[in-house]
Amino acid sequence: MKKTLVLGASPNPTRFSYKAVKSLVRHGYEAVLIGNRKGQISWQDIIIGTPEIADLHTVTIYLNPKNQKEYYEYIISLKPQRLIFNPGSENQELIQLAMENGIEVCVACTLIMLNSNNY
């Protein structure tokens, strides 16, 4: 399965990052949650910081472009196969950096991808 880092995870059930985690888990994917507030989603802790993550396939972003800058080097260092920019997170600078490092870029909605079996 495609281990996925949800960057910008929120314990607020009205946020799309929360809904994406629930959907990833429901579809059988392993999710790693990083956010700026402690909390839990589906009994998983939201991590604050930049932990090492082995065998990562996808990073799905739920941060606005201004808040992504501090994660550029971290994302590239994880060597994911794919980077998904969810609506509102599109960032040409990070898209270019990802492509230069051989990372597939998708400007899409993780929820729709999961629900249409295109994840």
PDB file of N, CA and C in Angstrom:
ATOM      1  N   MET A   1       0.840  -1.192   0.000  1.00  0.00           N
ATOM      2  CA  MET A   1       0.000   0.000   0.000  1.00  0.00           C
ATOM      3  C   MET A   1       0.878   1.246   0.000  1.00  0.00           C
ATOM      4  N   LYS A   2       0.306   2.323  -0.412  1.00  0.00           N
ATOM      5  CA  LYS A   2       1.024   3.577  -0.560  1.00  0.00           C
ATOM      6  C   LYS A   2       1.001   4.365   0.742  1.00  0.00           C
ATOM      7  N   LYS A   3       2.091   4.242   1.516  1.00  0.00           N
ATOM      8  CA  LYS A   3       2.181   5.012   2.757  1.00  0.00           C
ATOM      9  C   LYS A   3       2.149   6.491   2.414  1.00  0.00           C
ATOM     10  N   THR A   4       1.280   7.221   3.126  1.00  0.00           N
ATOM     11  CA  THR A   4       1.030   8.622   2.786  1.00  0.00           C
ATOM     12  C   THR A   4       1.273   9.530   3.972  1.00  0.00           C
ATOM     13  N   LEU A   5       2.019  10.600   3.735  1.00  0.00           N
ATOM     14  CA  LEU A   5       2.195  11.654   4.724  1.00  0.00           C
ATOM     15  C   LEU A   5       1.149  12.725   4.453  1.00  0.00           C
ATOM     16  N   VAL A   6       0.329  13.027   5.450  1.00  0.00           N
ATOM     17  CA  VAL A   6      -0.651  14.106   5.357  1.00  0.00           C
ATOM     18  C   VAL A   6      -0.016  15.312   6.043  1.00  0.00           C
ATOM     19  N   LEU A   7       0.428  16.261   5.229  1.00  0.00           N
ATOM     20  CA  LEU A   7       1.107  17.456   5.734  1.00  0.00           C
ATOM     21  C   LEU A   7       0.082  18.570   5.898  1.00  0.00           C
ATOM     22  N   GLY A   8      -0.116  18.968   7.158  1.00  0.00           N
ATOM     23  CA  GLY A   8      -1.157  19.948   7.474  1.00  0.00           C
ATOM     24  C   GLY A   8      -2.356  19.276   8.115  1.00  0.00           C
ATOM     25  N   ALA A   9      -2.127  18.111   8.714  1.00  0.00           N
ATOM     26  CA  ALA A   9      -3.217  17.371   9.368  1.00  0.00           C
ATOM     27  C   ALA A   9      -3.791  18.190  10.523  1.00  0.00           C
ATOM     28  N   SER A  10      -5.106  18.136  10.643  1.00  0.00           N
ATOM     29  CA  SER A  10      -5.802  18.894  11.690  1.00  0.00           C
ATOM     30  C   SER A  10      -6.770  17.982  12.427  1.00  0.00           C
ATOM     31  N   PRO A  11      -6.861  18.133  13.757  1.00  0.00           N
ATOM     32  CA  PRO A  11      -7.829  17.334  14.519  1.00  0.00           C
ATOM     33  C   PRO A  11      -9.259  17.857  14.392  1.00  0.00           C
ATOM     34  N   ASN A  12      -9.454  18.929  13.629  1.00  0.00           N
ATOM     35  CA  ASN A  12     -10.769  19.529  13.445  1.00  0.00           C
ATOM     36  C   ASN A  12     -11.543  18.736  12.381  1.00  0.00           C
ATOM     37  N   PRO A  13     -12.655  18.093  12.759  1.00  0.00           N
ATOM     38  CA  PRO A  13     -13.398  17.252  11.812  1.00  0.00           C
ATOM     39  C   PRO A  13     -13.983  17.994  10.611  1.00  0.00           C
ATOM     40  N   THR A  14     -14.016  19.314  10.649  1.00  0.00           N
ATOM     41  CA  THR A  14     -14.541  20.058   9.503  1.00  0.00           C
ATOM     42  C   THR A  14     -13.471  20.347   8.453  1.00  0.00           C
ATOM     43  N   ARG A  15     -12.213  20.066   8.770  1.00  0.00           N
ATOM     44  CA  ARG A  15     -11.109  20.337   7.834  1.00  0.00           C
ATOM     45  C   ARG A  15     -10.949  19.178   6.843  1.00  0.00           C
ATOM     46  N   PHE A  16     -10.548  19.524   5.622  1.00  0.00           N
ATOM     47  CA  PHE A  16     -10.381  18.501   4.597  1.00  0.00           C
ATOM     48  C   PHE A  16      -9.232  17.553   4.907  1.00  0.00           C
ATOM     49  N   SER A  17      -8.209  18.024   5.600  1.00  0.00           N
ATOM     50  CA  SER A  17      -7.108  17.131   5.967  1.00  0.00           C
ATOM     51  C   SER A  17      -7.610  16.027   6.896  1.00  0.00           C
ATOM     52  N   TYR A  18      -8.501  16.368   7.802  1.00  0.00           N
ATOM     53  CA  TYR A  18      -9.102  15.389   8.712  1.00  0.00           C
ATOM     54  C   TYR A  18      -9.880  14.352   7.902  1.00  0.00           C
ATOM     55  N   LYS A  19     -10.703  14.838   6.982  1.00  0.00           N
ATOM     56  CA  LYS A  19     -11.516  13.950   6.154  1.00  0.00           C
ATOM     57  C   LYS A  19     -10.639  13.055   5.284  1.00  0.00           C
ATOM     58  N   ALA A  20      -9.525  13.595   4.799  1.00  0.00           N
ATOM     59  CA  ALA A  20      -8.613  12.806   3.972  1.00  0.00           C
ATOM     60  C   ALA A  20      -7.987  11.673   4.782  1.00  0.00           C
ATOM     61  N   VAL A  21      -7.584  11.956   6.018  1.00  0.00           N
ATOM     62  CA  VAL A  21      -7.013  10.904   6.866  1.00  0.00           C
ATOM     63  C   VAL A  21      -8.036   9.801   7.080  1.00  0.00           C
ATOM     64  N   LYS A  22      -9.262  10.182   7.411  1.00  0.00           N
ATOM     65  CA  LYS A  22     -10.319   9.182   7.629  1.00  0.00           C
ATOM     66  C   LYS A  22     -10.514   8.330   6.370  1.00  0.00           C
ATOM     67  N   SER A  23     -10.507   8.972   5.209  1.00  0.00           N
ATOM     68  CA  SER A  23     -10.701   8.249   3.955  1.00  0.00           C
ATOM     69  C   SER A  23      -9.507   7.352   3.629  1.00  0.00           C
ATOM     70  N   LEU A  24      -8.289   7.846   3.857  1.00  0.00           N
ATOM     71  CA  LEU A  24      -7.099   7.007   3.643  1.00  0.00           C
ATOM     72  C   LEU A  24      -7.181   5.742   4.482  1.00  0.00           C
ATOM     73  N   VAL A  25      -7.502   5.894   5.757  1.00  0.00           N
ATOM     74  CA  VAL A  25      -7.589   4.749   6.672  1.00  0.00           C
ATOM     75  C   VAL A  25      -8.701   3.799   6.205  1.00  0.00           C
ATOM     76  N   ARG A  26      -9.843   4.358   5.853  1.00  0.00           N
ATOM     77  CA  ARG A  26     -10.989   3.550   5.396  1.00  0.00           C
ATOM     78  C   ARG A  26     -10.628   2.758   4.136  1.00  0.00           C
ATOM     79  N   HIS A  27      -9.786   3.324   3.285  1.00  0.00           N
ATOM     80  CA  HIS A  27      -9.366   2.642   2.064  1.00  0.00           C
ATOM     81  C   HIS A  27      -8.154   1.731   2.290  1.00  0.00           C
ATOM     82  N   GLY A  28      -7.671   1.632   3.520  1.00  0.00           N
ATOM     83  CA  GLY A  28      -6.604   0.699   3.856  1.00  0.00           C
ATOM     84  C   GLY A  28      -5.187   1.223   3.709  1.00  0.00           C
ATOM     85  N   TYR A  29      -5.025   2.531   3.582  1.00  0.00           N
ATOM     86  CA  TYR A  29      -3.691   3.115   3.456  1.00  0.00           C
ATOM     87  C   TYR A  29      -3.126   3.483   4.819  1.00  0.00           C
ATOM     88  N   GLU A  30      -1.811   3.361   4.946  1.00  0.00           N
ATOM     89  CA  GLU A  30      -1.131   3.812   6.159  1.00  0.00           C
ATOM     90  C   GLU A  30      -0.889   5.310   6.031  1.00  0.00           C
ATOM     91  N   ALA A  31      -1.287   6.059   7.047  1.00  0.00           N
ATOM     92  CA  ALA A  31      -1.120   7.510   7.017  1.00  0.00           C
ATOM     93  C   ALA A  31      -0.223   7.956   8.161  1.00  0.00           C
ATOM     94  N   VAL A  32       0.659   8.899   7.851  1.00  0.00           N
ATOM     95  CA  VAL A  32       1.496   9.567   8.842  1.00  0.00           C
ATOM     96  C   VAL A  32       1.003  11.012   8.875  1.00  0.00           C
ATOM     97  N   LEU A  33       0.726  11.531  10.061  1.00  0.00           N
ATOM     98  CA  LEU A  33       0.093  12.828  10.190  1.00  0.00           C
ATOM     99  C   LEU A  33       1.054  13.854  10.778  1.00  0.00           C
ATOM    100  N   ILE A  34       1.247  14.957  10.052  1.00  0.00           N
ATOM    101  CA  ILE A  34       2.057  16.055  10.559  1.00  0.00           C
ATOM    102  C   ILE A  34       1.205  17.316  10.522  1.00  0.00           C
ATOM    103  N   GLY A  35       1.189  18.019  11.647  1.00  0.00           N
ATOM    104  CA  GLY A  35       0.423  19.253  11.745  1.00  0.00           C
ATOM    105  C   GLY A  35       1.098  20.226  12.682  1.00  0.00           C
ATOM    106  N   ASN A  36       0.440  21.331  12.953  1.00  0.00           N
ATOM    107  CA  ASN A  36       1.022  22.318  13.867  1.00  0.00           C
ATOM    108  C   ASN A  36       0.341  22.319  15.231  1.00  0.00           C
ATOM    109  N   ARG A  37      -0.590  21.391  15.427  1.00  0.00           N
ATOM    110  CA  ARG A  37      -1.255  21.229  16.723  1.00  0.00           C
ATOM    111  C   ARG A  37      -1.348  19.753  17.067  1.00  0.00           C
ATOM    112  N   LYS A  38      -1.152  19.442  18.325  1.00  0.00           N
ATOM    113  CA  LYS A  38      -1.316  18.062  18.755  1.00  0.00           C
ATOM    114  C   LYS A  38      -2.782  17.689  18.680  1.00  0.00           C
ATOM    115  N   GLY A  39      -3.014  16.433  18.501  1.00  0.00           N
ATOM    116  CA  GLY A  39      -4.361  15.900  18.428  1.00  0.00           C
ATOM    117  C   GLY A  39      -4.313  14.508  17.834  1.00  0.00           C
ATOM    118  N   GLN A  40      -5.476  13.974  17.548  1.00  0.00           N
ATOM    119  CA  GLN A  40      -5.563  12.650  16.962  1.00  0.00           C
ATOM    120  C   GLN A  40      -6.637  12.626  15.882  1.00  0.00           C
ATOM    121  N   ILE A  41      -6.428  11.724  14.937  1.00  0.00           N
ATOM    122  CA  ILE A  41      -7.428  11.401  13.935  1.00  0.00           C
ATOM    123  C   ILE A  41      -7.419   9.887  13.807  1.00  0.00           C
ATOM    124  N   SER A  42      -8.562   9.282  13.963  1.00  0.00           N
ATOM    125  CA  SER A  42      -8.655   7.820  13.877  1.00  0.00           C
ATOM    126  C   SER A  42      -7.622   7.136  14.770  1.00  0.00           C
ATOM    127  N   TRP A  43      -7.474   7.605  15.974  1.00  0.00           N
ATOM    128  CA  TRP A  43      -6.572   7.053  16.986  1.00  0.00           C
ATOM    129  C   TRP A  43      -5.109   7.187  16.610  1.00  0.00           C
ATOM    130  N   GLN A  44      -4.796   8.017  15.636  1.00  0.00           N
ATOM    131  CA  GLN A  44      -3.410   8.266  15.271  1.00  0.00           C
ATOM    132  C   GLN A  44      -3.031   9.653  15.743  1.00  0.00           C
ATOM    133  N   ASP A  45      -1.844   9.747  16.316  1.00  0.00           N
ATOM    134  CA  ASP A  45      -1.367  11.040  16.789  1.00  0.00           C
ATOM    135  C   ASP A  45      -0.930  11.921  15.627  1.00  0.00           C
ATOM    136  N   ILE A  46      -1.208  13.194  15.756  1.00  0.00           N
ATOM    137  CA  ILE A  46      -0.670  14.186  14.834  1.00  0.00           C
ATOM    138  C   ILE A  46       0.704  14.583  15.375  1.00  0.00           C
ATOM    139  N   ILE A  47       1.704  14.453  14.542  1.00  0.00           N
ATOM    140  CA  ILE A  47       3.087  14.725  14.922  1.00  0.00           C
ATOM    141  C   ILE A  47       3.407  16.189  14.618  1.00  0.00           C
ATOM    142  N   ILE A  48       4.117  16.809  15.518  1.00  0.00           N
ATOM    143  CA  ILE A  48       4.631  18.155  15.275  1.00  0.00           C
ATOM    144  C   ILE A  48       6.128  17.996  15.051  1.00  0.00           C
ATOM    145  N   GLY A  49       6.610  18.422  13.909  1.00  0.00           N
ATOM    146  CA  GLY A  49       8.029  18.275  13.603  1.00  0.00           C
ATOM    147  C   GLY A  49       8.236  17.609  12.266  1.00  0.00           C
ATOM    148  N   THR A  50       9.434  17.063  12.089  1.00  0.00           N
ATOM    149  CA  THR A  50       9.823  16.474  10.806  1.00  0.00           C
ATOM    150  C   THR A  50      10.499  15.122  11.032  1.00  0.00           C
ATOM    151  N   PRO A  51       9.721  14.095  11.357  1.00  0.00           N
ATOM    152  CA  PRO A  51      10.309  12.786  11.640  1.00  0.00           C
ATOM    153  C   PRO A  51      10.777  12.074  10.371  1.00  0.00           C
ATOM    154  N   GLU A  52      11.707  11.156  10.549  1.00  0.00           N
ATOM    155  CA  GLU A  52      12.113  10.280   9.448  1.00  0.00           C
ATOM    156  C   GLU A  52      10.941   9.346   9.162  1.00  0.00           C
ATOM    157  N   ILE A  53      10.672   9.113   7.900  1.00  0.00           N
ATOM    158  CA  ILE A  53       9.581   8.228   7.505  1.00  0.00           C
ATOM    159  C   ILE A  53      10.120   7.297   6.425  1.00  0.00           C
ATOM    160  N   ALA A  54      10.159   6.015   6.729  1.00  0.00           N
ATOM    161  CA  ALA A  54      10.673   5.025   5.773  1.00  0.00           C
ATOM    162  C   ALA A  54       9.559   4.591   4.823  1.00  0.00           C
ATOM    163  N   ASP A  55       9.954   4.224   3.618  1.00  0.00           N
ATOM    164  CA  ASP A  55       9.039   3.659   2.627  1.00  0.00           C
ATOM    165  C   ASP A  55       7.832   4.538   2.341  1.00  0.00           C
ATOM    166  N   LEU A  56       8.052   5.825   2.257  1.00  0.00           N
ATOM    167  CA  LEU A  56       6.972   6.762   1.991  1.00  0.00           C
ATOM    168  C   LEU A  56       6.692   6.807   0.488  1.00  0.00           C
ATOM    169  N   HIS A  57       5.436   6.723   0.126  1.00  0.00           N
ATOM    170  CA  HIS A  57       5.064   6.802  -1.285  1.00  0.00           C
ATOM    171  C   HIS A  57       4.573   8.192  -1.669  1.00  0.00           C
ATOM    172  N   THR A  58       3.671   8.755  -0.860  1.00  0.00           N
ATOM    173  CA  THR A  58       2.991   9.988  -1.246  1.00  0.00           C
ATOM    174  C   THR A  58       3.006  11.001  -0.112  1.00  0.00           C
ATOM    175  N   VAL A  59       3.168  12.278  -0.488  1.00  0.00           N
ATOM    176  CA  VAL A  59       2.932  13.390   0.435  1.00  0.00           C
ATOM    177  C   VAL A  59       1.733  14.135  -0.122  1.00  0.00           C
ATOM    178  N   THR A  60       0.694  14.283   0.694  1.00  0.00           N
ATOM    179  CA  THR A  60      -0.471  15.056   0.295  1.00  0.00           C
ATOM    180  C   THR A  60      -0.511  16.316   1.155  1.00  0.00           C
ATOM    181  N   ILE A  61      -0.589  17.463   0.503  1.00  0.00           N
ATOM    182  CA  ILE A  61      -0.390  18.746   1.187  1.00  0.00           C
ATOM    183  C   ILE A  61      -1.708  19.462   1.438  1.00  0.00           C
ATOM    184  N   TYR A  62      -1.882  19.876   2.691  1.00  0.00           N
ATOM    185  CA  TYR A  62      -3.031  20.670   3.118  1.00  0.00           C
ATOM    186  C   TYR A  62      -2.570  21.950   3.808  1.00  0.00           C
ATOM    187  N   LEU A  63      -1.507  22.533   3.302  1.00  0.00           N
ATOM    188  CA  LEU A  63      -0.988  23.807   3.821  1.00  0.00           C
ATOM    189  C   LEU A  63      -1.018  24.823   2.693  1.00  0.00           C
ATOM    190  N   ASN A  64      -1.270  26.080   3.041  1.00  0.00           N
ATOM    191  CA  ASN A  64      -1.194  27.091   1.991  1.00  0.00           C
ATOM    192  C   ASN A  64       0.281  27.292   1.608  1.00  0.00           C
ATOM    193  N   PRO A  65       0.543  27.811   0.422  1.00  0.00           N
ATOM    194  CA  PRO A  65       1.935  27.927  -0.047  1.00  0.00           C
ATOM    195  C   PRO A  65       2.874  28.640   0.916  1.00  0.00           C
ATOM    196  N   LYS A  66       2.400  29.662   1.595  1.00  0.00           N
ATOM    197  CA  LYS A  66       3.254  30.408   2.534  1.00  0.00           C
ATOM    198  C   LYS A  66       3.760  29.498   3.656  1.00  0.00           C
ATOM    199  N   ASN A  67       2.929  28.573   4.109  1.00  0.00           N
ATOM    200  CA  ASN A  67       3.310  27.682   5.211  1.00  0.00           C
ATOM    201  C   ASN A  67       4.062  26.439   4.758  1.00  0.00           C
ATOM    202  N   GLN A  68       4.240  26.280   3.461  1.00  0.00           N
ATOM    203  CA  GLN A  68       4.967  25.114   2.941  1.00  0.00           C
ATOM    204  C   GLN A  68       6.475  25.299   2.940  1.00  0.00           C
ATOM    205  N   LYS A  69       6.936  26.544   2.834  1.00  0.00           N
ATOM    206  CA  LYS A  69       8.367  26.834   2.662  1.00  0.00           C
ATOM    207  C   LYS A  69       9.261  26.097   3.656  1.00  0.00           C
ATOM    208  N   GLU A  70       8.856  26.079   4.913  1.00  0.00           N
ATOM    209  CA  GLU A  70       9.687  25.441   5.937  1.00  0.00           C
ATOM    210  C   GLU A  70       9.806  23.924   5.743  1.00  0.00           C
ATOM    211  N   TYR A  71       8.979  23.348   4.879  1.00  0.00           N
ATOM    212  CA  TYR A  71       8.982  21.902   4.663  1.00  0.00           C
ATOM    213  C   TYR A  71       9.640  21.479   3.348  1.00  0.00           C
ATOM    214  N   TYR A  72      10.076  22.409   2.532  1.00  0.00           N
ATOM    215  CA  TYR A  72      10.645  22.064   1.219  1.00  0.00           C
ATOM    216  C   TYR A  72      11.744  21.005   1.334  1.00  0.00           C
ATOM    217  N   GLU A  73      12.788  21.316   2.098  1.00  0.00           N
ATOM    218  CA  GLU A  73      13.916  20.388   2.223  1.00  0.00           C
ATOM    219  C   GLU A  73      13.477  19.062   2.828  1.00  0.00           C
ATOM    220  N   TYR A  74      12.587  19.136   3.796  1.00  0.00           N
ATOM    221  CA  TYR A  74      12.088  17.918   4.449  1.00  0.00           C
ATOM    222  C   TYR A  74      11.371  17.020   3.441  1.00  0.00           C
ATOM    223  N   ILE A  75      10.462  17.599   2.669  1.00  0.00           N
ATOM    224  CA  ILE A  75       9.714  16.809   1.686  1.00  0.00           C
ATOM    225  C   ILE A  75      10.670  16.149   0.700  1.00  0.00           C
ATOM    226  N   ILE A  76      11.597  16.902   0.173  1.00  0.00           N
ATOM    227  CA  ILE A  76      12.551  16.357  -0.800  1.00  0.00           C
ATOM    228  C   ILE A  76      13.405  15.266  -0.152  1.00  0.00           C
ATOM    229  N   SER A  77      13.805  15.453   1.104  1.00  0.00           N
ATOM    230  CA  SER A  77      14.654  14.464   1.789  1.00  0.00           C
ATOM    231  C   SER A  77      13.940  13.130   1.999  1.00  0.00           C
ATOM    232  N   LEU A  78      12.611  13.146   2.056  1.00  0.00           N
ATOM    233  CA  LEU A  78      11.845  11.909   2.251  1.00  0.00           C
ATOM    234  C   LEU A  78      11.791  11.057   0.984  1.00  0.00           C
ATOM    235  N   LYS A  79      12.117  11.666  -0.155  1.00  0.00           N
ATOM    236  CA  LYS A  79      12.130  10.978  -1.451  1.00  0.00           C
ATOM    237  C   LYS A  79      10.797  10.283  -1.759  1.00  0.00           C
ATOM    238  N   PRO A  80       9.689  11.012  -1.647  1.00  0.00           N
ATOM    239  CA  PRO A  80       8.419  10.376  -2.002  1.00  0.00           C
ATOM    240  C   PRO A  80       8.336  10.175  -3.517  1.00  0.00           C
ATOM    241  N   GLN A  81       7.480   9.259  -3.931  1.00  0.00           N
ATOM    242  CA  GLN A  81       7.265   9.067  -5.358  1.00  0.00           C
ATOM    243  C   GLN A  81       6.304  10.107  -5.917  1.00  0.00           C
ATOM    244  N   ARG A  82       5.409  10.605  -5.037  1.00  0.00           N
ATOM    245  CA  ARG A  82       4.359  11.503  -5.522  1.00  0.00           C
ATOM    246  C   ARG A  82       4.074  12.583  -4.490  1.00  0.00           C
ATOM    247  N   LEU A  83       3.715  13.765  -5.013  1.00  0.00           N
ATOM    248  CA  LEU A  83       3.341  14.907  -4.190  1.00  0.00           C
ATOM    249  C   LEU A  83       1.991  15.402  -4.701  1.00  0.00           C
ATOM    250  N   ILE A  84       0.986  15.428  -3.817  1.00  0.00           N
ATOM    251  CA  ILE A  84      -0.350  15.870  -4.198  1.00  0.00           C
ATOM    252  C   ILE A  84      -0.612  17.241  -3.587  1.00  0.00           C
ATOM    253  N   PHE A  85      -0.946  18.192  -4.452  1.00  0.00           N
ATOM    254  CA  PHE A  85      -1.335  19.526  -4.015  1.00  0.00           C
ATOM    255  C   PHE A  85      -2.856  19.590  -4.033  1.00  0.00           C
ATOM    256  N   ASN A  86      -3.458  19.604  -2.861  1.00  0.00           N
ATOM    257  CA  ASN A  86      -4.907  19.688  -2.750  1.00  0.00           C
ATOM    258  C   ASN A  86      -5.348  21.127  -3.022  1.00  0.00           C
ATOM    259  N   PRO A  87      -6.634  21.336  -3.348  1.00  0.00           N
ATOM    260  CA  PRO A  87      -7.107  22.689  -3.658  1.00  0.00           C
ATOM    261  C   PRO A  87      -6.695  23.700  -2.585  1.00  0.00           C
ATOM    262  N   GLY A  88      -6.128  24.811  -3.042  1.00  0.00           N
ATOM    263  CA  GLY A  88      -5.658  25.857  -2.136  1.00  0.00           C
ATOM    264  C   GLY A  88      -4.203  25.722  -1.735  1.00  0.00           C
ATOM    265  N   SER A  89      -3.592  24.586  -2.065  1.00  0.00           N
ATOM    266  CA  SER A  89      -2.192  24.377  -1.675  1.00  0.00           C
ATOM    267  C   SER A  89      -1.243  24.474  -2.865  1.00  0.00           C
ATOM    268  N   GLU A  90      -1.754  24.748  -4.043  1.00  0.00           N
ATOM    269  CA  GLU A  90      -0.933  24.810  -5.242  1.00  0.00           C
ATOM    270  C   GLU A  90       0.209  25.807  -5.050  1.00  0.00           C
ATOM    271  N   ASN A  91       1.419  25.378  -5.437  1.00  0.00           N
ATOM    272  CA  ASN A  91       2.612  26.178  -5.179  1.00  0.00           C
ATOM    273  C   ASN A  91       3.631  25.905  -6.285  1.00  0.00           C
ATOM    274  N   GLN A  92       3.758  26.819  -7.219  1.00  0.00           N
ATOM    275  CA  GLN A  92       4.627  26.612  -8.379  1.00  0.00           C
ATOM    276  C   GLN A  92       6.086  26.393  -7.982  1.00  0.00           C
ATOM    277  N   GLU A  93       6.545  27.069  -6.957  1.00  0.00           N
ATOM    278  CA  GLU A  93       7.936  26.906  -6.510  1.00  0.00           C
ATOM    279  C   GLU A  93       8.199  25.470  -6.042  1.00  0.00           C
ATOM    280  N   LEU A  94       7.310  24.924  -5.227  1.00  0.00           N
ATOM    281  CA  LEU A  94       7.492  23.553  -4.733  1.00  0.00           C
ATOM    282  C   LEU A  94       7.223  22.532  -5.840  1.00  0.00           C
ATOM    283  N   ILE A  95       6.295  22.824  -6.733  1.00  0.00           N
ATOM    284  CA  ILE A  95       6.051  21.940  -7.881  1.00  0.00           C
ATOM    285  C   ILE A  95       7.336  21.800  -8.690  1.00  0.00           C
ATOM    286  N   GLN A  96       7.983  22.917  -8.977  1.00  0.00           N
ATOM    287  CA  GLN A  96       9.230  22.906  -9.753  1.00  0.00           C
ATOM    288  C   GLN A  96      10.328  22.135  -9.023  1.00  0.00           C
ATOM    289  N   LEU A  97      10.469  22.376  -7.738  1.00  0.00           N
ATOM    290  CA  LEU A  97      11.475  21.684  -6.926  1.00  0.00           C
ATOM    291  C   LEU A  97      11.225  20.169  -6.932  1.00  0.00           C
ATOM    292  N   ALA A  98       9.977  19.775  -6.778  1.00  0.00           N
ATOM    293  CA  ALA A  98       9.638  18.354  -6.786  1.00  0.00           C
ATOM    294  C   ALA A  98       9.982  17.724  -8.135  1.00  0.00           C
ATOM    295  N   MET A  99       9.605  18.386  -9.206  1.00  0.00           N
ATOM    296  CA  MET A  99       9.878  17.842 -10.545  1.00  0.00           C
ATOM    297  C   MET A  99      11.382  17.737 -10.799  1.00  0.00           C
ATOM    298  N   GLU A 100      12.146  18.709 -10.335  1.00  0.00           N
ATOM    299  CA  GLU A 100      13.607  18.660 -10.486  1.00  0.00           C
ATOM    300  C   GLU A 100      14.219  17.487  -9.724  1.00  0.00           C
ATOM    301  N   ASN A 101      13.496  16.998  -8.715  1.00  0.00           N
ATOM    302  CA  ASN A 101      13.986  15.877  -7.904  1.00  0.00           C
ATOM    303  C   ASN A 101      13.296  14.559  -8.262  1.00  0.00           C
ATOM    304  N   GLY A 102      12.643  14.521  -9.411  1.00  0.00           N
ATOM    305  CA  GLY A 102      12.055  13.278  -9.899  1.00  0.00           C
ATOM    306  C   GLY A 102      10.800  12.835  -9.172  1.00  0.00           C
ATOM    307  N   ILE A 103      10.109  13.764  -8.547  1.00  0.00           N
ATOM    308  CA  ILE A 103       8.885  13.439  -7.812  1.00  0.00           C
ATOM    309  C   ILE A 103       7.689  13.765  -8.702  1.00  0.00           C
ATOM    310  N   GLU A 104       6.788  12.795  -8.850  1.00  0.00           N
ATOM    311  CA  GLU A 104       5.565  13.017  -9.615  1.00  0.00           C
ATOM    312  C   GLU A 104       4.716  14.058  -8.896  1.00  0.00           C
ATOM    313  N   VAL A 105       4.165  14.993  -9.639  1.00  0.00           N
ATOM    314  CA  VAL A 105       3.348  16.057  -9.062  1.00  0.00           C
ATOM    315  C   VAL A 105       1.913  15.899  -9.545  1.00  0.00           C
ATOM    316  N   CYS A 106       0.963  15.948  -8.608  1.00  0.00           N
ATOM    317  CA  CYS A 106      -0.463  15.927  -8.928  1.00  0.00           C
ATOM    318  C   CYS A 106      -1.104  17.145  -8.283  1.00  0.00           C
ATOM    319  N   VAL A 107      -1.830  17.908  -9.079  1.00  0.00           N
ATOM    320  CA  VAL A 107      -2.650  18.988  -8.542  1.00  0.00           C
ATOM    321  C   VAL A 107      -4.058  18.423  -8.582  1.00  0.00           C
ATOM    322  N   ALA A 108      -4.512  17.930  -7.436  1.00  0.00           N
ATOM    323  CA  ALA A 108      -5.764  17.178  -7.383  1.00  0.00           C
ATOM    324  C   ALA A 108      -6.289  17.171  -5.953  1.00  0.00           C
ATOM    325  N   CYS A 109      -7.407  16.522  -5.765  1.00  0.00           N
ATOM    326  CA  CYS A 109      -8.002  16.385  -4.445  1.00  0.00           C
ATOM    327  C   CYS A 109      -7.866  14.938  -3.987  1.00  0.00           C
ATOM    328  N   THR A 110      -7.169  14.736  -2.888  1.00  0.00           N
ATOM    329  CA  THR A 110      -6.960  13.389  -2.363  1.00  0.00           C
ATOM    330  C   THR A 110      -8.286  12.671  -2.138  1.00  0.00           C
ATOM    331  N   LEU A 111      -9.274  13.373  -1.593  1.00  0.00           N
ATOM    332  CA  LEU A 111     -10.577  12.744  -1.334  1.00  0.00           C
ATOM    333  C   LEU A 111     -11.216  12.221  -2.616  1.00  0.00           C
ATOM    334  N   ILE A 112     -11.186  13.020  -3.662  1.00  0.00           N
ATOM    335  CA  ILE A 112     -11.776  12.592  -4.933  1.00  0.00           C
ATOM    336  C   ILE A 112     -10.966  11.440  -5.528  1.00  0.00           C
ATOM    337  N   MET A 113      -9.649  11.530  -5.444  1.00  0.00           N
ATOM    338  CA  MET A 113      -8.806  10.450  -5.954  1.00  0.00           C
ATOM    339  C   MET A 113      -9.140   9.133  -5.263  1.00  0.00           C
ATOM    340  N   LEU A 114      -9.282   9.161  -3.943  1.00  0.00           N
ATOM    341  CA  LEU A 114      -9.612   7.947  -3.193  1.00  0.00           C
ATOM    342  C   LEU A 114     -10.988   7.428  -3.562  1.00  0.00           C
ATOM    343  N   ASN A 115     -11.961   8.307  -3.624  1.00  0.00           N
ATOM    344  CA  ASN A 115     -13.344   7.880  -3.872  1.00  0.00           C
ATOM    345  C   ASN A 115     -13.590   7.437  -5.310  1.00  0.00           C
ATOM    346  N   SER A 116     -12.692   7.801  -6.227  1.00  0.00           N
ATOM    347  CA  SER A 116     -12.849   7.375  -7.612  1.00  0.00           C
ATOM    348  C   SER A 116     -11.844   6.268  -7.973  1.00  0.00           C
ATOM    349  N   ASN A 117     -11.201   5.699  -6.982  1.00  0.00           N
ATOM    350  CA  ASN A 117     -10.222   4.626  -7.169  1.00  0.00           C
ATOM    351  C   ASN A 117      -9.060   5.044  -8.075  1.00  0.00           C
ATOM    352  N   ASN A 118      -8.660   6.305  -7.999  1.00  0.00           N
ATOM    353  CA  ASN A 118      -7.521   6.805  -8.777  1.00  0.00           C
ATOM    354  C   ASN A 118      -6.346   7.172  -7.884  1.00  0.00           C
ATOM    355  N   TYR A 119      -6.302   6.641  -6.670  1.00  0.00           N
ATOM    356  CA  TYR A 119      -5.247   7.010  -5.751  1.00  0.00           C
ATOM    357  C   TYR A 119      -4.004   6.181  -6.054  1.00  0.00           C
TER     358      TYR A 119
END
